[in-house]
Amino acid sequence: MSSTATYKISGMTCGHCEGAVSSEVAALPGVTEAKAEAATGLLTVTSESPLTEEALRGAVDEAGYELVGQA
């Protein structure tokens, strides 16, 4: 059973931003899909089980952006 959640990300402005956030989050264990959209500032994550906010925040920080919270 997979889990899908949407989060608000601060600082994304272009396709490069989307790619950086998506690839960092997609690398987390259990994540099957991560899609960031700069236009809306949203990140949709599908994973095998719900992610911890700590793990997600770490990946978004690594990409150079800020996790605002669940949308």
PDB file of N, CA and C in Angstrom:
ATOM      1  N   MET A   1       0.853  -1.187   0.000  1.00  0.00           N
ATOM      2  CA  MET A   1       0.000   0.000   0.000  1.00  0.00           C
ATOM      3  C   MET A   1       0.889   1.238   0.000  1.00  0.00           C
ATOM      4  N   SER A   2       0.745   2.051  -1.020  1.00  0.00           N
ATOM      5  CA  SER A   2       1.585   3.234  -1.096  1.00  0.00           C
ATOM      6  C   SER A   2       0.898   4.431  -0.449  1.00  0.00           C
ATOM      7  N   SER A   3       1.716   5.429  -0.158  1.00  0.00           N
ATOM      8  CA  SER A   3       1.254   6.648   0.495  1.00  0.00           C
ATOM      9  C   SER A   3       1.644   7.829  -0.390  1.00  0.00           C
ATOM     10  N   THR A   4       0.705   8.745  -0.623  1.00  0.00           N
ATOM     11  CA  THR A   4       1.007   9.949  -1.403  1.00  0.00           C
ATOM     12  C   THR A   4       0.711  11.168  -0.545  1.00  0.00           C
ATOM     13  N   ALA A   5       1.654  12.107  -0.538  1.00  0.00           N
ATOM     14  CA  ALA A   5       1.482  13.331   0.239  1.00  0.00           C
ATOM     15  C   ALA A   5       2.030  14.505  -0.560  1.00  0.00           C
ATOM     16  N   THR A   6       1.493  15.681  -0.310  1.00  0.00           N
ATOM     17  CA  THR A   6       1.932  16.898  -0.989  1.00  0.00           C
ATOM     18  C   THR A   6       2.483  17.870   0.044  1.00  0.00           C
ATOM     19  N   TYR A   7       3.609  18.498  -0.310  1.00  0.00           N
ATOM     20  CA  TYR A   7       4.294  19.407   0.605  1.00  0.00           C
ATOM     21  C   TYR A   7       4.572  20.728  -0.090  1.00  0.00           C
ATOM     22  N   LYS A   8       4.648  21.795   0.683  1.00  0.00           N
ATOM     23  CA  LYS A   8       4.983  23.127   0.179  1.00  0.00           C
ATOM     24  C   LYS A   8       6.487  23.326   0.349  1.00  0.00           C
ATOM     25  N   ILE A   9       7.130  23.727  -0.752  1.00  0.00           N
ATOM     26  CA  ILE A   9       8.575  23.954  -0.758  1.00  0.00           C
ATOM     27  C   ILE A   9       8.833  25.419  -1.080  1.00  0.00           C
ATOM     28  N   SER A  10       9.714  26.048  -0.336  1.00  0.00           N
ATOM     29  CA  SER A  10      10.050  27.451  -0.553  1.00  0.00           C
ATOM     30  C   SER A  10      11.341  27.565  -1.351  1.00  0.00           C
ATOM     31  N   GLY A  11      11.339  28.453  -2.356  1.00  0.00           N
ATOM     32  CA  GLY A  11      12.568  28.779  -3.070  1.00  0.00           C
ATOM     33  C   GLY A  11      12.683  28.223  -4.479  1.00  0.00           C
ATOM     34  N   MET A  12      11.775  27.353  -4.909  1.00  0.00           N
ATOM     35  CA  MET A  12      11.856  26.804  -6.262  1.00  0.00           C
ATOM     36  C   MET A  12      11.365  27.842  -7.270  1.00  0.00           C
ATOM     37  N   THR A  13      12.152  28.076  -8.335  1.00  0.00           N
ATOM     38  CA  THR A  13      11.758  29.071  -9.328  1.00  0.00           C
ATOM     39  C   THR A  13      11.811  28.570 -10.762  1.00  0.00           C
ATOM     40  N   CYS A  14      12.405  27.389 -11.011  1.00  0.00           N
ATOM     41  CA  CYS A  14      12.589  26.953 -12.398  1.00  0.00           C
ATOM     42  C   CYS A  14      12.667  25.430 -12.501  1.00  0.00           C
ATOM     43  N   GLY A  15      12.834  24.965 -13.726  1.00  0.00           N
ATOM     44  CA  GLY A  15      12.936  23.533 -13.967  1.00  0.00           C
ATOM     45  C   GLY A  15      14.128  22.898 -13.273  1.00  0.00           C
ATOM     46  N   HIS A  16      15.228  23.626 -13.179  1.00  0.00           N
ATOM     47  CA  HIS A  16      16.410  23.099 -12.483  1.00  0.00           C
ATOM     48  C   HIS A  16      16.078  22.861 -11.011  1.00  0.00           C
ATOM     49  N   CYS A  17      15.351  23.796 -10.413  1.00  0.00           N
ATOM     50  CA  CYS A  17      14.931  23.657  -9.009  1.00  0.00           C
ATOM     51  C   CYS A  17      14.081  22.393  -8.841  1.00  0.00           C
ATOM     52  N   GLU A  18      13.129  22.218  -9.755  1.00  0.00           N
ATOM     53  CA  GLU A  18      12.259  21.046  -9.703  1.00  0.00           C
ATOM     54  C   GLU A  18      13.074  19.762  -9.741  1.00  0.00           C
ATOM     55  N   GLY A  19      14.051  19.722 -10.651  1.00  0.00           N
ATOM     56  CA  GLY A  19      14.890  18.533 -10.795  1.00  0.00           C
ATOM     57  C   GLY A  19      15.718  18.256  -9.561  1.00  0.00           C
ATOM     58  N   ALA A  20      16.273  19.314  -8.962  1.00  0.00           N
ATOM     59  CA  ALA A  20      17.111  19.143  -7.775  1.00  0.00           C
ATOM     60  C   ALA A  20      16.301  18.580  -6.610  1.00  0.00           C
ATOM     61  N   VAL A  21      15.130  19.152  -6.373  1.00  0.00           N
ATOM     62  CA  VAL A  21      14.280  18.696  -5.272  1.00  0.00           C
ATOM     63  C   VAL A  21      13.770  17.280  -5.549  1.00  0.00           C
ATOM     64  N   SER A  22      13.274  17.055  -6.756  1.00  0.00           N
ATOM     65  CA  SER A  22      12.731  15.742  -7.107  1.00  0.00           C
ATOM     66  C   SER A  22      13.773  14.639  -6.965  1.00  0.00           C
ATOM     67  N   SER A  23      14.998  14.884  -7.450  1.00  0.00           N
ATOM     68  CA  SER A  23      16.010  13.832  -7.400  1.00  0.00           C
ATOM     69  C   SER A  23      16.474  13.539  -5.982  1.00  0.00           C
ATOM     70  N   GLU A  24      16.626  14.568  -5.143  1.00  0.00           N
ATOM     71  CA  GLU A  24      17.033  14.338  -3.748  1.00  0.00           C
ATOM     72  C   GLU A  24      15.965  13.541  -2.992  1.00  0.00           C
ATOM     73  N   VAL A  25      14.702  13.912  -3.166  1.00  0.00           N
ATOM     74  CA  VAL A  25      13.611  13.239  -2.465  1.00  0.00           C
ATOM     75  C   VAL A  25      13.424  11.825  -3.015  1.00  0.00           C
ATOM     76  N   ALA A  26      13.560  11.657  -4.332  1.00  0.00           N
ATOM     77  CA  ALA A  26      13.399  10.332  -4.951  1.00  0.00           C
ATOM     78  C   ALA A  26      14.448   9.343  -4.446  1.00  0.00           C
ATOM     79  N   ALA A  27      15.588   9.860  -3.969  1.00  0.00           N
ATOM     80  CA  ALA A  27      16.662   8.998  -3.484  1.00  0.00           C
ATOM     81  C   ALA A  27      16.389   8.453  -2.076  1.00  0.00           C
ATOM     82  N   LEU A  28      15.380   8.983  -1.405  1.00  0.00           N
ATOM     83  CA  LEU A  28      15.058   8.496  -0.059  1.00  0.00           C
ATOM     84  C   LEU A  28      14.529   7.059  -0.134  1.00  0.00           C
ATOM     85  N   PRO A  29      14.870   6.227   0.855  1.00  0.00           N
ATOM     86  CA  PRO A  29      14.393   4.844   0.858  1.00  0.00           C
ATOM     87  C   PRO A  29      12.862   4.777   0.854  1.00  0.00           C
ATOM     88  N   GLY A  30      12.322   3.947  -0.034  1.00  0.00           N
ATOM     89  CA  GLY A  30      10.884   3.744  -0.083  1.00  0.00           C
ATOM     90  C   GLY A  30      10.131   4.671  -1.010  1.00  0.00           C
ATOM     91  N   VAL A  31      10.793   5.740  -1.503  1.00  0.00           N
ATOM     92  CA  VAL A  31      10.109   6.682  -2.391  1.00  0.00           C
ATOM     93  C   VAL A  31      10.019   6.084  -3.793  1.00  0.00           C
ATOM     94  N   THR A  32       8.821   6.045  -4.351  1.00  0.00           N
ATOM     95  CA  THR A  32       8.622   5.511  -5.701  1.00  0.00           C
ATOM     96  C   THR A  32       8.466   6.629  -6.726  1.00  0.00           C
ATOM     97  N   GLU A  33       8.046   7.816  -6.283  1.00  0.00           N
ATOM     98  CA  GLU A  33       7.915   8.948  -7.195  1.00  0.00           C
ATOM     99  C   GLU A  33       7.979  10.248  -6.407  1.00  0.00           C
ATOM    100  N   ALA A  34       8.670  11.239  -6.984  1.00  0.00           N
ATOM    101  CA  ALA A  34       8.729  12.578  -6.395  1.00  0.00           C
ATOM    102  C   ALA A  34       8.618  13.572  -7.536  1.00  0.00           C
ATOM    103  N   LYS A  35       7.638  14.472  -7.461  1.00  0.00           N
ATOM    104  CA  LYS A  35       7.423  15.449  -8.532  1.00  0.00           C
ATOM    105  C   LYS A  35       7.272  16.838  -7.926  1.00  0.00           C
ATOM    106  N   ALA A  36       8.250  17.682  -8.207  1.00  0.00           N
ATOM    107  CA  ALA A  36       8.224  19.065  -7.733  1.00  0.00           C
ATOM    108  C   ALA A  36       7.728  19.971  -8.857  1.00  0.00           C
ATOM    109  N   GLU A  37       6.963  20.993  -8.496  1.00  0.00           N
ATOM    110  CA  GLU A  37       6.465  21.970  -9.465  1.00  0.00           C
ATOM    111  C   GLU A  37       6.792  23.368  -8.971  1.00  0.00           C
ATOM    112  N   ALA A  38       7.699  24.034  -9.682  1.00  0.00           N
ATOM    113  CA  ALA A  38       8.128  25.377  -9.275  1.00  0.00           C
ATOM    114  C   ALA A  38       6.981  26.378  -9.320  1.00  0.00           C
ATOM    115  N   ALA A  39       6.106  26.249 -10.313  1.00  0.00           N
ATOM    116  CA  ALA A  39       5.012  27.218 -10.483  1.00  0.00           C
ATOM    117  C   ALA A  39       4.096  27.263  -9.263  1.00  0.00           C
ATOM    118  N   THR A  40       3.876  26.119  -8.644  1.00  0.00           N
ATOM    119  CA  THR A  40       2.977  26.056  -7.484  1.00  0.00           C
ATOM    120  C   THR A  40       3.743  25.982  -6.165  1.00  0.00           C
ATOM    121  N   GLY A  41       5.040  25.632  -6.240  1.00  0.00           N
ATOM    122  CA  GLY A  41       5.828  25.453  -5.021  1.00  0.00           C
ATOM    123  C   GLY A  41       5.484  24.163  -4.302  1.00  0.00           C
ATOM    124  N   LEU A  42       4.879  23.218  -5.033  1.00  0.00           N
ATOM    125  CA  LEU A  42       4.443  21.977  -4.393  1.00  0.00           C
ATOM    126  C   LEU A  42       5.300  20.792  -4.805  1.00  0.00           C
ATOM    127  N   LEU A  43       5.441  19.867  -3.894  1.00  0.00           N
ATOM    128  CA  LEU A  43       6.155  18.615  -4.108  1.00  0.00           C
ATOM    129  C   LEU A  43       5.199  17.491  -3.757  1.00  0.00           C
ATOM    130  N   THR A  44       4.951  16.594  -4.711  1.00  0.00           N
ATOM    131  CA  THR A  44       4.097  15.439  -4.463  1.00  0.00           C
ATOM    132  C   THR A  44       4.993  14.212  -4.391  1.00  0.00           C
ATOM    133  N   VAL A  45       4.871  13.470  -3.300  1.00  0.00           N
ATOM    134  CA  VAL A  45       5.725  12.309  -3.059  1.00  0.00           C
ATOM    135  C   VAL A  45       4.863  11.069  -2.883  1.00  0.00           C
ATOM    136  N   THR A  46       5.200  10.025  -3.634  1.00  0.00           N
ATOM    137  CA  THR A  46       4.561   8.728  -3.453  1.00  0.00           C
ATOM    138  C   THR A  46       5.626   7.795  -2.901  1.00  0.00           C
ATOM    139  N   SER A  47       5.300   7.117  -1.815  1.00  0.00           N
ATOM    140  CA  SER A  47       6.266   6.228  -1.175  1.00  0.00           C
ATOM    141  C   SER A  47       5.570   4.979  -0.661  1.00  0.00           C
ATOM    142  N   GLU A  48       6.375   3.966  -0.362  1.00  0.00           N
ATOM    143  CA  GLU A  48       5.839   2.697   0.118  1.00  0.00           C
ATOM    144  C   GLU A  48       5.168   2.856   1.481  1.00  0.00           C
ATOM    145  N   SER A  49       5.654   3.793   2.261  1.00  0.00           N
ATOM    146  CA  SER A  49       5.050   4.108   3.552  1.00  0.00           C
ATOM    147  C   SER A  49       5.275   5.590   3.806  1.00  0.00           C
ATOM    148  N   PRO A  50       4.492   6.215   4.688  1.00  0.00           N
ATOM    149  CA  PRO A  50       4.656   7.659   4.932  1.00  0.00           C
ATOM    150  C   PRO A  50       6.084   8.013   5.348  1.00  0.00           C
ATOM    151  N   LEU A  51       6.598   9.115   4.829  1.00  0.00           N
ATOM    152  CA  LEU A  51       7.945   9.582   5.166  1.00  0.00           C
ATOM    153  C   LEU A  51       7.915  10.377   6.458  1.00  0.00           C
ATOM    154  N   THR A  52       9.016  10.353   7.173  1.00  0.00           N
ATOM    155  CA  THR A  52       9.114  11.222   8.343  1.00  0.00           C
ATOM    156  C   THR A  52       9.432  12.629   7.844  1.00  0.00           C
ATOM    157  N   GLU A  53       8.956  13.611   8.562  1.00  0.00           N
ATOM    158  CA  GLU A  53       9.232  14.993   8.165  1.00  0.00           C
ATOM    159  C   GLU A  53      10.733  15.256   8.218  1.00  0.00           C
ATOM    160  N   GLU A  54      11.419  14.631   9.163  1.00  0.00           N
ATOM    161  CA  GLU A  54      12.861  14.816   9.310  1.00  0.00           C
ATOM    162  C   GLU A  54      13.609  14.345   8.054  1.00  0.00           C
ATOM    163  N   ALA A  55      13.236  13.165   7.532  1.00  0.00           N
ATOM    164  CA  ALA A  55      13.894  12.640   6.332  1.00  0.00           C
ATOM    165  C   ALA A  55      13.613  13.537   5.138  1.00  0.00           C
ATOM    166  N   LEU A  56      12.375  13.951   4.993  1.00  0.00           N
ATOM    167  CA  LEU A  56      11.984  14.796   3.871  1.00  0.00           C
ATOM    168  C   LEU A  56      12.672  16.157   3.959  1.00  0.00           C
ATOM    169  N   ARG A  57      12.686  16.745   5.150  1.00  0.00           N
ATOM    170  CA  ARG A  57      13.332  18.051   5.337  1.00  0.00           C
ATOM    171  C   ARG A  57      14.820  17.966   4.989  1.00  0.00           C
ATOM    172  N   GLY A  58      15.462  16.875   5.384  1.00  0.00           N
ATOM    173  CA  GLY A  58      16.887  16.695   5.081  1.00  0.00           C
ATOM    174  C   GLY A  58      17.156  16.657   3.590  1.00  0.00           C
ATOM    175  N   ALA A  59      16.312  15.937   2.842  1.00  0.00           N
ATOM    176  CA  ALA A  59      16.491  15.839   1.392  1.00  0.00           C
ATOM    177  C   ALA A  59      16.248  17.185   0.714  1.00  0.00           C
ATOM    178  N   VAL A  60      15.214  17.890   1.138  1.00  0.00           N
ATOM    179  CA  VAL A  60      14.899  19.199   0.547  1.00  0.00           C
ATOM    180  C   VAL A  60      16.014  20.196   0.883  1.00  0.00           C
ATOM    181  N   ASP A  61      16.515  20.166   2.117  1.00  0.00           N
ATOM    182  CA  ASP A  61      17.631  21.036   2.511  1.00  0.00           C
ATOM    183  C   ASP A  61      18.868  20.736   1.666  1.00  0.00           C
ATOM    184  N   GLU A  62      19.132  19.451   1.436  1.00  0.00           N
ATOM    185  CA  GLU A  62      20.288  19.029   0.642  1.00  0.00           C
ATOM    186  C   GLU A  62      20.220  19.602  -0.771  1.00  0.00           C
ATOM    187  N   ALA A  63      18.997  19.714  -1.300  1.00  0.00           N
ATOM    188  CA  ALA A  63      18.801  20.274  -2.642  1.00  0.00           C
ATOM    189  C   ALA A  63      18.931  21.808  -2.641  1.00  0.00           C
ATOM    190  N   GLY A  64      18.914  22.406  -1.441  1.00  0.00           N
ATOM    191  CA  GLY A  64      19.080  23.857  -1.337  1.00  0.00           C
ATOM    192  C   GLY A  64      17.791  24.642  -1.171  1.00  0.00           C
ATOM    193  N   TYR A  65      16.730  23.953  -0.745  1.00  0.00           N
ATOM    194  CA  TYR A  65      15.426  24.599  -0.587  1.00  0.00           C
ATOM    195  C   TYR A  65      14.879  24.330   0.803  1.00  0.00           C
ATOM    196  N   GLU A  66      13.716  24.895   1.099  1.00  0.00           N
ATOM    197  CA  GLU A  66      13.153  24.756   2.444  1.00  0.00           C
ATOM    198  C   GLU A  66      11.788  24.112   2.407  1.00  0.00           C
ATOM    199  N   LEU A  67      11.625  23.097   3.234  1.00  0.00           N
ATOM    200  CA  LEU A  67      10.330  22.454   3.395  1.00  0.00           C
ATOM    201  C   LEU A  67       9.488  23.342   4.317  1.00  0.00           C
ATOM    202  N   VAL A  68       8.365  23.848   3.796  1.00  0.00           N
ATOM    203  CA  VAL A  68       7.492  24.708   4.587  1.00  0.00           C
ATOM    204  C   VAL A  68       6.557  23.836   5.436  1.00  0.00           C
ATOM    205  N   GLY A  69       6.047  22.764   4.846  1.00  0.00           N
ATOM    206  CA  GLY A  69       5.164  21.869   5.576  1.00  0.00           C
ATOM    207  C   GLY A  69       4.247  21.129   4.613  1.00  0.00           C
ATOM    208  N   GLN A  70       3.377  20.334   5.171  1.00  0.00           N
ATOM    209  CA  GLN A  70       2.449  19.574   4.346  1.00  0.00           C
ATOM    210  C   GLN A  70       1.403  20.525   3.770  1.00  0.00           C
ATOM    211  N   ALA A  71       1.078  20.344   2.502  1.00  0.00           N
ATOM    212  CA  ALA A  71       0.133  21.234   1.816  1.00  0.00           C
ATOM    213  C   ALA A  71      -1.298  20.741   1.994  1.00  0.00           C
TER     214      ALA A  71
END
